[in-house]
Amino acid sequence: MKKKKRLLVSLIISIFFISSLAGCARSDNPKKIGMVVSTLNNPFFISMKDGAEKEAKKLGYDLIVLDSTNDPAKERSNVEDLIQLGVTAILINPTDSDAVVKTVEVANKANVPVITLDRQANGGKVTSHIASDNIVGGEMAGKYVLDKLKDKDSINIVELQGIPGASATRDRGQGFHNVLDKENKAKFISVQAADFDRQKGLQVMENIIQRDKNIQVVFAHNDEMALGATKALKAAGVDAMVIGFDGNDDAKNAIDSGDMTATIAQQPEEIGALGVGLANDIYNGKEVKENIAADLKVYDKN
C-alpha cells in the first residue's frame, strides 16, 4: 500500500513538472531563451537569474529558468527539456566545467547556441562565455592581503576552495597563488574544498580551527563559504581577516557590520543580462565575441 502511495505521489509530481514545461512550450511567443543554473540555493545565482529575467522582459523574450541543484545529470536533463521546448539559445552556468561538456554537446547536436555564464565548459562548442576574470579577481584578493598585512613577517592563510573541477575554483585559486606564492612570508596552513557552500564552509573551518587557531587570513572562493567561515571563527574567538568572492548582499552586510573583511565583488545581474543580450544578438544574426569580461571591484568597509 505504501509503495502504491509513493508511486502515485511520484506520478503526480512528474505530471505537474511536464505540464509546467508544456505550458512554457505553448506560449505564443516564438522567442524563448533557456537558462540552466547550477543552483538557485545561492544568492549570487539568484541575482544572475534576476538580471536575465529583467533583460528578457525588456527584449520581449520568454525566459525559462531551470535549477540543476548542483547535479550534472539534472543539468543534462534540463538542457534536453529546453531543447524540446524550442528555445533559441541556452544560457548555462555549469555545475562542473568537465561534466558539462556532454551536456553542451547535446545542445550542439540540436543546433542550439550555448552561452556559458560564470563558469566555463572544458569542451563542446560554446558560442560565448561571460564571466568576471576569476584569475584577476584572485590576484586582487592576494594583493589586498599583502597590502593590509605588509608589516607582518609571516602570514598564516587558510584557503577554502569551491567545487573541485569548476573553472571558478581553478582560476580564483590560481590568481591568489600567483601573488602569494612569490612571498616567503605567506604560509598556507590549510587548503580545503568546501564546494561553494555556506554550511560546508562552516564545518570545514571548524575542523581547521580545532587543529590550528593561529590563522590570520581566510580566502574563500565565494561569499557563501566566507560567511560560513566567519561564523566558525567568531564562535571560536579567532580574529582573522576573511575575504570572499562574489559581492552578494549577505557578504556586504557582514562587511558593513565588521564580521567579514572584504569581498571581490562581481556583478551577477550584469552577467545574466549580458547573456540574454547575446542570445538576442545571435537570434538576430549578429556576430558575437567569444569571451566577454564583467567588471570586478574590492568591496570593504573603507
C-alpha atoms as a PDB file:
ATOM      1  CA  MET A   1       0.000   0.000   0.000  1.00  0.00           C
ATOM      2  CA  LYS A   2       2.808   2.378   0.931  1.00  0.00           C
ATOM      3  CA  LYS A   3       4.616   1.525  -2.322  1.00  0.00           C
ATOM      4  CA  LYS A   4       1.485   2.380  -4.353  1.00  0.00           C
ATOM      5  CA  LYS A   5       1.138   5.675  -2.475  1.00  0.00           C
ATOM      6  CA  ARG A   6       4.782   6.598  -3.222  1.00  0.00           C
ATOM      7  CA  LEU A   7       4.284   5.745  -6.898  1.00  0.00           C
ATOM      8  CA  LEU A   8       1.132   7.886  -7.020  1.00  0.00           C
ATOM      9  CA  VAL A   9       2.938  10.872  -5.453  1.00  0.00           C
ATOM     10  CA  SER A  10       5.849  10.476  -7.915  1.00  0.00           C
ATOM     11  CA  LEU A  11       3.393  10.319 -10.826  1.00  0.00           C
ATOM     12  CA  ILE A  12       1.601  13.490  -9.680  1.00  0.00           C
ATOM     13  CA  ILE A  13       4.928  15.358  -9.357  1.00  0.00           C
ATOM     14  CA  SER A  14       6.041  14.185 -12.820  1.00  0.00           C
ATOM     15  CA  ILE A  15       2.738  15.235 -14.398  1.00  0.00           C
ATOM     16  CA  PHE A  16       2.950  18.645 -12.720  1.00  0.00           C
ATOM     17  CA  PHE A  17       6.531  19.201 -13.994  1.00  0.00           C
ATOM     18  CA  ILE A  18       5.696  18.083 -17.535  1.00  0.00           C
ATOM     19  CA  SER A  19       2.563  20.269 -17.526  1.00  0.00           C
ATOM     20  CA  SER A  20       4.620  23.272 -16.399  1.00  0.00           C
ATOM     21  CA  LEU A  21       7.102  22.768 -19.243  1.00  0.00           C
ATOM     22  CA  ALA A  22       4.288  22.195 -21.707  1.00  0.00           C
ATOM     23  CA  GLY A  23       2.747  25.471 -20.582  1.00  0.00           C
ATOM     24  CA  CYS A  24       6.002  27.214 -21.486  1.00  0.00           C
ATOM     25  CA  ALA A  25       6.087  25.421 -24.833  1.00  0.00           C
ATOM     26  CA  ARG A  26       2.535  26.523 -25.674  1.00  0.00           C
ATOM     27  CA  SER A  27       3.464  30.191 -25.283  1.00  0.00           C
ATOM     28  CA  ASP A  28       2.519  32.221 -28.341  1.00  0.00           C
ATOM     29  CA  ASN A  29       5.913  33.914 -28.155  1.00  0.00           C
ATOM     30  CA  PRO A  30       8.386  32.164 -30.516  1.00  0.00           C
ATOM     31  CA  LYS A  31      11.258  33.957 -28.795  1.00  0.00           C
ATOM     32  CA  LYS A  32      12.215  31.656 -25.924  1.00  0.00           C
ATOM     33  CA  ILE A  33      15.576  31.517 -24.166  1.00  0.00           C
ATOM     34  CA  GLY A  34      16.546  28.716 -21.780  1.00  0.00           C
ATOM     35  CA  MET A  35      18.633  29.321 -18.681  1.00  0.00           C
ATOM     36  CA  VAL A  36      20.167  26.449 -16.691  1.00  0.00           C
ATOM     37  CA  VAL A  37      21.616  27.481 -13.336  1.00  0.00           C
ATOM     38  CA  SER A  38      23.921  25.265 -11.274  1.00  0.00           C
ATOM     39  CA  THR A  39      21.911  26.036  -8.126  1.00  0.00           C
ATOM     40  CA  LEU A  40      19.277  28.532  -7.032  1.00  0.00           C
ATOM     41  CA  ASN A  41      20.264  27.939  -3.414  1.00  0.00           C
ATOM     42  CA  ASN A  42      22.863  30.693  -3.703  1.00  0.00           C
ATOM     43  CA  PRO A  43      22.199  34.479  -3.706  1.00  0.00           C
ATOM     44  CA  PHE A  44      24.784  35.045  -6.454  1.00  0.00           C
ATOM     45  CA  PHE A  45      22.974  32.842  -8.953  1.00  0.00           C
ATOM     46  CA  ILE A  46      19.586  34.202  -7.905  1.00  0.00           C
ATOM     47  CA  SER A  47      20.872  37.682  -8.780  1.00  0.00           C
ATOM     48  CA  MET A  48      22.154  36.341 -12.118  1.00  0.00           C
ATOM     49  CA  LYS A  49      18.693  34.921 -12.836  1.00  0.00           C
ATOM     50  CA  ASP A  50      17.037  38.214 -11.862  1.00  0.00           C
ATOM     51  CA  GLY A  51      19.275  40.164 -14.234  1.00  0.00           C
ATOM     52  CA  ALA A  52      18.490  37.752 -17.062  1.00  0.00           C
ATOM     53  CA  GLU A  53      14.746  37.939 -16.392  1.00  0.00           C
ATOM     54  CA  LYS A  54      14.729  41.748 -16.474  1.00  0.00           C
ATOM     55  CA  GLU A  55      16.636  41.842 -19.766  1.00  0.00           C
ATOM     56  CA  ALA A  56      14.433  39.132 -21.306  1.00  0.00           C
ATOM     57  CA  LYS A  57      11.305  41.083 -20.438  1.00  0.00           C
ATOM     58  CA  LYS A  58      12.832  44.236 -21.887  1.00  0.00           C
ATOM     59  CA  LEU A  59      13.740  42.474 -25.165  1.00  0.00           C
ATOM     60  CA  GLY A  60      10.450  40.579 -25.473  1.00  0.00           C
ATOM     61  CA  TYR A  61      11.629  37.026 -24.703  1.00  0.00           C
ATOM     62  CA  ASP A  62      10.162  34.291 -22.557  1.00  0.00           C
ATOM     63  CA  LEU A  63      12.961  33.109 -20.234  1.00  0.00           C
ATOM     64  CA  ILE A  64      12.659  29.552 -18.937  1.00  0.00           C
ATOM     65  CA  VAL A  65      14.902  29.057 -15.889  1.00  0.00           C
ATOM     66  CA  LEU A  66      15.750  25.556 -14.627  1.00  0.00           C
ATOM     67  CA  ASP A  67      17.739  24.649 -11.499  1.00  0.00           C
ATOM     68  CA  SER A  68      20.351  21.863 -11.727  1.00  0.00           C
ATOM     69  CA  THR A  69      20.700  21.592  -7.916  1.00  0.00           C
ATOM     70  CA  ASN A  70      24.471  21.091  -8.424  1.00  0.00           C
ATOM     71  CA  ASP A  71      23.783  17.756 -10.156  1.00  0.00           C
ATOM     72  CA  PRO A  72      25.396  17.236 -13.615  1.00  0.00           C
ATOM     73  CA  ALA A  73      22.769  14.600 -14.514  1.00  0.00           C
ATOM     74  CA  LYS A  74      19.968  17.043 -13.704  1.00  0.00           C
ATOM     75  CA  GLU A  75      21.829  19.689 -15.709  1.00  0.00           C
ATOM     76  CA  ARG A  76      21.806  17.487 -18.816  1.00  0.00           C
ATOM     77  CA  SER A  77      18.128  16.659 -18.327  1.00  0.00           C
ATOM     78  CA  ASN A  78      17.335  20.384 -18.045  1.00  0.00           C
ATOM     79  CA  VAL A  79      19.099  21.129 -21.334  1.00  0.00           C
ATOM     80  CA  GLU A  80      17.256  18.265 -23.065  1.00  0.00           C
ATOM     81  CA  ASP A  81      13.927  19.651 -21.785  1.00  0.00           C
ATOM     82  CA  LEU A  82      14.739  23.145 -23.052  1.00  0.00           C
ATOM     83  CA  ILE A  83      15.651  21.814 -26.496  1.00  0.00           C
ATOM     84  CA  GLN A  84      12.255  20.093 -26.642  1.00  0.00           C
ATOM     85  CA  LEU A  85      10.620  23.424 -25.835  1.00  0.00           C
ATOM     86  CA  GLY A  86      12.274  25.020 -28.863  1.00  0.00           C
ATOM     87  CA  VAL A  87      14.436  27.640 -27.169  1.00  0.00           C
ATOM     88  CA  THR A  88      16.514  29.849 -29.466  1.00  0.00           C
ATOM     89  CA  ALA A  89      19.563  29.707 -27.172  1.00  0.00           C
ATOM     90  CA  ILE A  90      20.647  28.207 -23.851  1.00  0.00           C
ATOM     91  CA  LEU A  91      22.424  30.140 -21.123  1.00  0.00           C
ATOM     92  CA  ILE A  92      24.170  27.694 -18.820  1.00  0.00           C
ATOM     93  CA  ASN A  93      26.004  28.180 -15.571  1.00  0.00           C
ATOM     94  CA  PRO A  94      27.802  24.811 -15.344  1.00  0.00           C
ATOM     95  CA  THR A  95      27.809  22.672 -12.227  1.00  0.00           C
ATOM     96  CA  ASP A  96      31.260  21.441 -13.270  1.00  0.00           C
ATOM     97  CA  SER A  97      33.442  22.534 -16.184  1.00  0.00           C
ATOM     98  CA  ASP A  98      34.287  18.939 -17.207  1.00  0.00           C
ATOM     99  CA  ALA A  99      30.937  17.290 -16.507  1.00  0.00           C
ATOM    100  CA  VAL A 100      29.057  19.893 -18.558  1.00  0.00           C
ATOM    101  CA  VAL A 101      30.898  19.002 -21.797  1.00  0.00           C
ATOM    102  CA  LYS A 102      28.499  16.178 -22.748  1.00  0.00           C
ATOM    103  CA  THR A 103      25.569  18.468 -21.962  1.00  0.00           C
ATOM    104  CA  VAL A 104      26.925  21.189 -24.248  1.00  0.00           C
ATOM    105  CA  GLU A 105      27.350  18.565 -26.973  1.00  0.00           C
ATOM    106  CA  VAL A 106      23.646  17.659 -26.648  1.00  0.00           C
ATOM    107  CA  ALA A 107      22.770  21.277 -27.462  1.00  0.00           C
ATOM    108  CA  ASN A 108      25.352  21.309 -30.272  1.00  0.00           C
ATOM    109  CA  LYS A 109      23.682  18.312 -31.940  1.00  0.00           C
ATOM    110  CA  ALA A 110      20.356  20.150 -31.779  1.00  0.00           C
ATOM    111  CA  ASN A 111      21.982  23.292 -33.259  1.00  0.00           C
ATOM    112  CA  VAL A 112      21.000  25.364 -30.232  1.00  0.00           C
ATOM    113  CA  PRO A 113      23.612  28.051 -29.403  1.00  0.00           C
ATOM    114  CA  VAL A 114      25.175  27.757 -25.938  1.00  0.00           C
ATOM    115  CA  ILE A 115      26.357  30.680 -23.817  1.00  0.00           C
ATOM    116  CA  THR A 116      28.201  29.833 -20.590  1.00  0.00           C
ATOM    117  CA  LEU A 117      27.913  32.107 -17.567  1.00  0.00           C
ATOM    118  CA  ASP A 118      30.463  32.496 -14.739  1.00  0.00           C
ATOM    119  CA  ARG A 119      31.950  29.002 -15.188  1.00  0.00           C
ATOM    120  CA  GLN A 120      33.433  27.665 -18.413  1.00  0.00           C
ATOM    121  CA  ALA A 121      32.849  24.397 -20.238  1.00  0.00           C
ATOM    122  CA  ASN A 122      36.035  22.449 -20.943  1.00  0.00           C
ATOM    123  CA  GLY A 123      34.705  21.159 -24.249  1.00  0.00           C
ATOM    124  CA  GLY A 124      31.844  21.236 -26.709  1.00  0.00           C
ATOM    125  CA  LYS A 125      31.052  24.228 -28.902  1.00  0.00           C
ATOM    126  CA  VAL A 126      30.300  27.309 -26.819  1.00  0.00           C
ATOM    127  CA  THR A 127      29.287  30.413 -28.757  1.00  0.00           C
ATOM    128  CA  SER A 128      30.238  32.850 -25.973  1.00  0.00           C
ATOM    129  CA  HIS A 129      31.461  32.815 -22.393  1.00  0.00           C
ATOM    130  CA  ILE A 130      30.542  35.634 -19.984  1.00  0.00           C
ATOM    131  CA  ALA A 131      32.298  35.940 -16.651  1.00  0.00           C
ATOM    132  CA  SER A 132      34.384  38.119 -14.465  1.00  0.00           C
ATOM    133  CA  ASP A 133      38.094  37.387 -14.893  1.00  0.00           C
ATOM    134  CA  ASN A 134      38.449  34.999 -11.978  1.00  0.00           C
ATOM    135  CA  ILE A 135      42.245  34.918 -12.187  1.00  0.00           C
ATOM    136  CA  VAL A 136      42.366  38.714 -11.919  1.00  0.00           C
ATOM    137  CA  GLY A 137      39.898  38.544  -9.021  1.00  0.00           C
ATOM    138  CA  GLY A 138      42.100  36.034  -7.175  1.00  0.00           C
ATOM    139  CA  GLU A 139      45.082  38.316  -7.746  1.00  0.00           C
ATOM    140  CA  MET A 140      43.080  41.243  -6.354  1.00  0.00           C
ATOM    141  CA  ALA A 141      42.433  39.213  -3.193  1.00  0.00           C
ATOM    142  CA  GLY A 142      46.133  38.333  -2.877  1.00  0.00           C
ATOM    143  CA  LYS A 143      47.233  41.946  -3.305  1.00  0.00           C
ATOM    144  CA  TYR A 144      44.640  43.037  -0.747  1.00  0.00           C
ATOM    145  CA  VAL A 145      46.114  40.629   1.815  1.00  0.00           C
ATOM    146  CA  LEU A 146      49.663  41.855   1.213  1.00  0.00           C
ATOM    147  CA  ASP A 147      48.613  45.491   1.365  1.00  0.00           C
ATOM    148  CA  LYS A 148      46.710  45.123   4.631  1.00  0.00           C
ATOM    149  CA  LEU A 149      49.349  42.911   6.309  1.00  0.00           C
ATOM    150  CA  LYS A 150      52.501  44.428   4.806  1.00  0.00           C
ATOM    151  CA  ASP A 151      54.051  44.892   8.268  1.00  0.00           C
ATOM    152  CA  LYS A 152      53.754  41.196   9.155  1.00  0.00           C
ATOM    153  CA  ASP A 153      56.806  38.936   8.893  1.00  0.00           C
ATOM    154  CA  SER A 154      54.623  35.856   8.450  1.00  0.00           C
ATOM    155  CA  ILE A 155      51.020  35.413   7.284  1.00  0.00           C
ATOM    156  CA  ASN A 156      49.145  32.201   8.099  1.00  0.00           C
ATOM    157  CA  ILE A 157      46.497  31.617   5.439  1.00  0.00           C
ATOM    158  CA  VAL A 158      43.542  29.266   5.038  1.00  0.00           C
ATOM    159  CA  GLU A 159      42.113  28.840   1.549  1.00  0.00           C
ATOM    160  CA  LEU A 160      38.591  27.468   1.137  1.00  0.00           C
ATOM    161  CA  GLN A 161      38.208  26.156  -2.392  1.00  0.00           C
ATOM    162  CA  GLY A 162      34.996  25.808  -4.380  1.00  0.00           C
ATOM    163  CA  ILE A 163      33.732  22.722  -6.191  1.00  0.00           C
ATOM    164  CA  PRO A 164      36.706  20.711  -7.489  1.00  0.00           C
ATOM    165  CA  GLY A 165      36.722  20.830 -11.277  1.00  0.00           C
ATOM    166  CA  ALA A 166      34.824  24.119 -11.592  1.00  0.00           C
ATOM    167  CA  SER A 167      36.693  26.740 -13.619  1.00  0.00           C
ATOM    168  CA  ALA A 168      35.934  29.377 -10.972  1.00  0.00           C
ATOM    169  CA  THR A 169      37.662  27.213  -8.349  1.00  0.00           C
ATOM    170  CA  ARG A 170      40.727  26.729 -10.514  1.00  0.00           C
ATOM    171  CA  ASP A 171      41.026  30.338 -11.678  1.00  0.00           C
ATOM    172  CA  ARG A 172      40.343  32.110  -8.376  1.00  0.00           C
ATOM    173  CA  GLY A 173      42.852  29.886  -6.627  1.00  0.00           C
ATOM    174  CA  GLN A 174      45.398  30.382  -9.393  1.00  0.00           C
ATOM    175  CA  GLY A 175      45.134  34.155  -9.207  1.00  0.00           C
ATOM    176  CA  PHE A 176      45.504  34.147  -5.422  1.00  0.00           C
ATOM    177  CA  HIS A 177      48.582  31.938  -5.609  1.00  0.00           C
ATOM    178  CA  ASN A 178      50.029  33.988  -8.476  1.00  0.00           C
ATOM    179  CA  VAL A 179      50.500  36.768  -5.945  1.00  0.00           C
ATOM    180  CA  LEU A 180      51.143  34.973  -2.655  1.00  0.00           C
ATOM    181  CA  ASP A 181      53.362  32.107  -3.774  1.00  0.00           C
ATOM    182  CA  LYS A 182      56.029  34.707  -4.572  1.00  0.00           C
ATOM    183  CA  GLU A 183      56.020  35.847  -0.948  1.00  0.00           C
ATOM    184  CA  ASN A 184      58.105  33.822   1.500  1.00  0.00           C
ATOM    185  CA  LYS A 185      56.053  35.154   4.388  1.00  0.00           C
ATOM    186  CA  ALA A 186      52.802  33.661   3.050  1.00  0.00           C
ATOM    187  CA  LYS A 187      52.184  30.263   4.682  1.00  0.00           C
ATOM    188  CA  PHE A 188      49.166  28.176   3.634  1.00  0.00           C
ATOM    189  CA  ILE A 189      48.297  26.217   6.748  1.00  0.00           C
ATOM    190  CA  SER A 190      45.244  24.609   5.106  1.00  0.00           C
ATOM    191  CA  VAL A 191      43.765  24.447   1.591  1.00  0.00           C
ATOM    192  CA  GLN A 192      40.462  22.544   1.514  1.00  0.00           C
ATOM    193  CA  ALA A 193      37.333  22.337  -0.638  1.00  0.00           C
ATOM    194  CA  ALA A 194      34.003  23.462   0.796  1.00  0.00           C
ATOM    195  CA  ASP A 195      32.080  23.283  -2.505  1.00  0.00           C
ATOM    196  CA  PHE A 196      30.909  26.931  -2.602  1.00  0.00           C
ATOM    197  CA  ASP A 197      28.505  26.059   0.238  1.00  0.00           C
ATOM    198  CA  ARG A 198      27.971  28.110   3.424  1.00  0.00           C
ATOM    199  CA  GLN A 199      27.308  25.156   5.721  1.00  0.00           C
ATOM    200  CA  LYS A 200      30.323  23.268   4.388  1.00  0.00           C
ATOM    201  CA  GLY A 201      32.401  26.425   4.792  1.00  0.00           C
ATOM    202  CA  LEU A 202      31.369  26.496   8.450  1.00  0.00           C
ATOM    203  CA  GLN A 203      32.125  22.805   9.018  1.00  0.00           C
ATOM    204  CA  VAL A 204      35.499  22.822   7.231  1.00  0.00           C
ATOM    205  CA  MET A 205      36.541  25.963   9.086  1.00  0.00           C
ATOM    206  CA  GLU A 206      35.539  24.436  12.440  1.00  0.00           C
ATOM    207  CA  ASN A 207      37.731  21.414  11.706  1.00  0.00           C
ATOM    208  CA  ILE A 208      40.688  23.596  10.734  1.00  0.00           C
ATOM    209  CA  ILE A 209      40.326  25.702  13.898  1.00  0.00           C
ATOM    210  CA  GLN A 210      40.390  22.546  16.052  1.00  0.00           C
ATOM    211  CA  ARG A 211      43.819  21.732  14.635  1.00  0.00           C
ATOM    212  CA  ASP A 212      45.286  25.237  14.484  1.00  0.00           C
ATOM    213  CA  LYS A 213      43.894  28.548  15.756  1.00  0.00           C
ATOM    214  CA  ASN A 214      46.837  30.573  14.533  1.00  0.00           C
ATOM    215  CA  ILE A 215      45.011  31.914  11.483  1.00  0.00           C
ATOM    216  CA  GLN A 216      45.436  35.434  10.133  1.00  0.00           C
ATOM    217  CA  VAL A 217      43.716  35.224   6.743  1.00  0.00           C
ATOM    218  CA  VAL A 218      40.906  33.172   5.225  1.00  0.00           C
ATOM    219  CA  PHE A 219      40.380  33.449   1.481  1.00  0.00           C
ATOM    220  CA  ALA A 220      37.195  31.729   0.348  1.00  0.00           C
ATOM    221  CA  HIS A 221      36.436  31.208  -3.339  1.00  0.00           C
ATOM    222  CA  ASN A 222      32.942  32.590  -2.804  1.00  0.00           C
ATOM    223  CA  ASP A 223      30.974  34.596  -0.250  1.00  0.00           C
ATOM    224  CA  GLU A 224      28.863  31.665   0.919  1.00  0.00           C
ATOM    225  CA  MET A 225      31.935  29.787   2.190  1.00  0.00           C
ATOM    226  CA  ALA A 226      33.350  33.033   3.603  1.00  0.00           C
ATOM    227  CA  LEU A 227      30.158  33.619   5.604  1.00  0.00           C
ATOM    228  CA  GLY A 228      30.296  30.075   6.980  1.00  0.00           C
ATOM    229  CA  ALA A 229      33.967  30.527   7.894  1.00  0.00           C
ATOM    230  CA  THR A 230      33.175  33.854   9.569  1.00  0.00           C
ATOM    231  CA  LYS A 231      30.606  32.167  11.799  1.00  0.00           C
ATOM    232  CA  ALA A 232      33.082  29.457  12.811  1.00  0.00           C
ATOM    233  CA  LEU A 233      35.853  31.948  13.546  1.00  0.00           C
ATOM    234  CA  LYS A 234      33.543  34.154  15.614  1.00  0.00           C
ATOM    235  CA  ALA A 235      32.307  31.193  17.661  1.00  0.00           C
ATOM    236  CA  ALA A 236      35.908  30.131  18.363  1.00  0.00           C
ATOM    237  CA  GLY A 237      37.048  33.656  19.228  1.00  0.00           C
ATOM    238  CA  VAL A 238      39.593  33.729  16.401  1.00  0.00           C
ATOM    239  CA  ASP A 239      40.317  37.160  14.938  1.00  0.00           C
ATOM    240  CA  ALA A 240      41.219  36.717  11.278  1.00  0.00           C
ATOM    241  CA  MET A 241      40.800  38.603   8.034  1.00  0.00           C
ATOM    242  CA  VAL A 242      38.101  36.933   5.888  1.00  0.00           C
ATOM    243  CA  ILE A 243      37.906  37.661   2.161  1.00  0.00           C
ATOM    244  CA  GLY A 244      35.164  36.265  -0.034  1.00  0.00           C
ATOM    245  CA  PHE A 245      34.365  36.465  -3.716  1.00  0.00           C
ATOM    246  CA  ASP A 246      31.120  37.493  -5.499  1.00  0.00           C
ATOM    247  CA  GLY A 247      29.829  40.520  -3.613  1.00  0.00           C
ATOM    248  CA  ASN A 248      26.424  39.174  -2.573  1.00  0.00           C
ATOM    249  CA  ASP A 249      24.196  41.148  -0.197  1.00  0.00           C
ATOM    250  CA  ASP A 250      24.791  38.905   2.848  1.00  0.00           C
ATOM    251  CA  ALA A 251      28.550  39.342   2.460  1.00  0.00           C
ATOM    252  CA  LYS A 252      28.275  43.110   2.046  1.00  0.00           C
ATOM    253  CA  ASN A 253      26.127  43.299   5.186  1.00  0.00           C
ATOM    254  CA  ALA A 254      28.696  41.198   7.084  1.00  0.00           C
ATOM    255  CA  ILE A 255      31.462  43.521   5.892  1.00  0.00           C
ATOM    256  CA  ASP A 256      29.495  46.627   6.864  1.00  0.00           C
ATOM    257  CA  SER A 257      28.953  45.169  10.352  1.00  0.00           C
ATOM    258  CA  GLY A 258      32.649  44.292  10.710  1.00  0.00           C
ATOM    259  CA  ASP A 259      32.253  40.497  10.720  1.00  0.00           C
ATOM    260  CA  MET A 260      33.831  39.949   7.292  1.00  0.00           C
ATOM    261  CA  THR A 261      36.755  41.946   5.892  1.00  0.00           C
ATOM    262  CA  ALA A 262      36.213  42.167   2.135  1.00  0.00           C
ATOM    263  CA  THR A 263      34.835  40.523  -0.979  1.00  0.00           C
ATOM    264  CA  ILE A 264      35.899  40.615  -4.590  1.00  0.00           C
ATOM    265  CA  ALA A 265      32.589  41.862  -5.915  1.00  0.00           C
ATOM    266  CA  GLN A 266      31.189  40.602  -9.182  1.00  0.00           C
ATOM    267  CA  GLN A 267      28.026  41.918 -10.815  1.00  0.00           C
ATOM    268  CA  PRO A 268      25.860  38.813 -11.291  1.00  0.00           C
ATOM    269  CA  GLU A 269      22.841  40.750 -12.560  1.00  0.00           C
ATOM    270  CA  GLU A 270      25.032  42.192 -15.300  1.00  0.00           C
ATOM    271  CA  ILE A 271      26.289  38.710 -16.245  1.00  0.00           C
ATOM    272  CA  GLY A 272      22.700  37.450 -16.565  1.00  0.00           C
ATOM    273  CA  ALA A 273      21.605  40.486 -18.569  1.00  0.00           C
ATOM    274  CA  LEU A 274      24.622  40.222 -20.884  1.00  0.00           C
ATOM    275  CA  GLY A 275      23.754  36.569 -21.514  1.00  0.00           C
ATOM    276  CA  VAL A 276      20.229  37.438 -22.669  1.00  0.00           C
ATOM    277  CA  GLY A 277      21.582  40.320 -24.750  1.00  0.00           C
ATOM    278  CA  LEU A 278      23.985  37.949 -26.512  1.00  0.00           C
ATOM    279  CA  ALA A 279      21.210  35.419 -27.113  1.00  0.00           C
ATOM    280  CA  ASN A 280      19.205  38.211 -28.723  1.00  0.00           C
ATOM    281  CA  ASP A 281      22.153  39.160 -30.948  1.00  0.00           C
ATOM    282  CA  ILE A 282      22.550  35.535 -32.037  1.00  0.00           C
ATOM    283  CA  TYR A 283      18.804  35.304 -32.778  1.00  0.00           C
ATOM    284  CA  ASN A 284      19.130  38.390 -34.989  1.00  0.00           C
ATOM    285  CA  GLY A 285      22.151  37.002 -36.842  1.00  0.00           C
ATOM    286  CA  LYS A 286      24.741  39.339 -35.352  1.00  0.00           C
ATOM    287  CA  GLU A 287      28.336  38.355 -34.687  1.00  0.00           C
ATOM    288  CA  VAL A 288      29.246  37.982 -31.003  1.00  0.00           C
ATOM    289  CA  LYS A 289      32.520  37.835 -29.113  1.00  0.00           C
ATOM    290  CA  GLU A 290      33.740  34.509 -27.756  1.00  0.00           C
ATOM    291  CA  ASN A 291      34.692  35.956 -24.358  1.00  0.00           C
ATOM    292  CA  ILE A 292      33.125  38.870 -22.507  1.00  0.00           C
ATOM    293  CA  ALA A 293      34.503  40.073 -19.168  1.00  0.00           C
ATOM    294  CA  ALA A 294      32.325  41.609 -16.466  1.00  0.00           C
ATOM    295  CA  ASP A 295      33.861  44.138 -14.075  1.00  0.00           C
ATOM    296  CA  LEU A 296      35.226  43.335 -10.596  1.00  0.00           C
ATOM    297  CA  LYS A 297      35.920  45.540  -7.595  1.00  0.00           C
ATOM    298  CA  VAL A 298      37.068  45.154  -3.991  1.00  0.00           C
ATOM    299  CA  TYR A 299      34.261  45.810  -1.516  1.00  0.00           C
ATOM    300  CA  ASP A 300      35.375  46.524   2.055  1.00  0.00           C
ATOM    301  CA  LYS A 301      34.417  48.836   4.896  1.00  0.00           C
ATOM    302  CA  ASN A 302      36.799  51.616   3.857  1.00  0.00           C
END
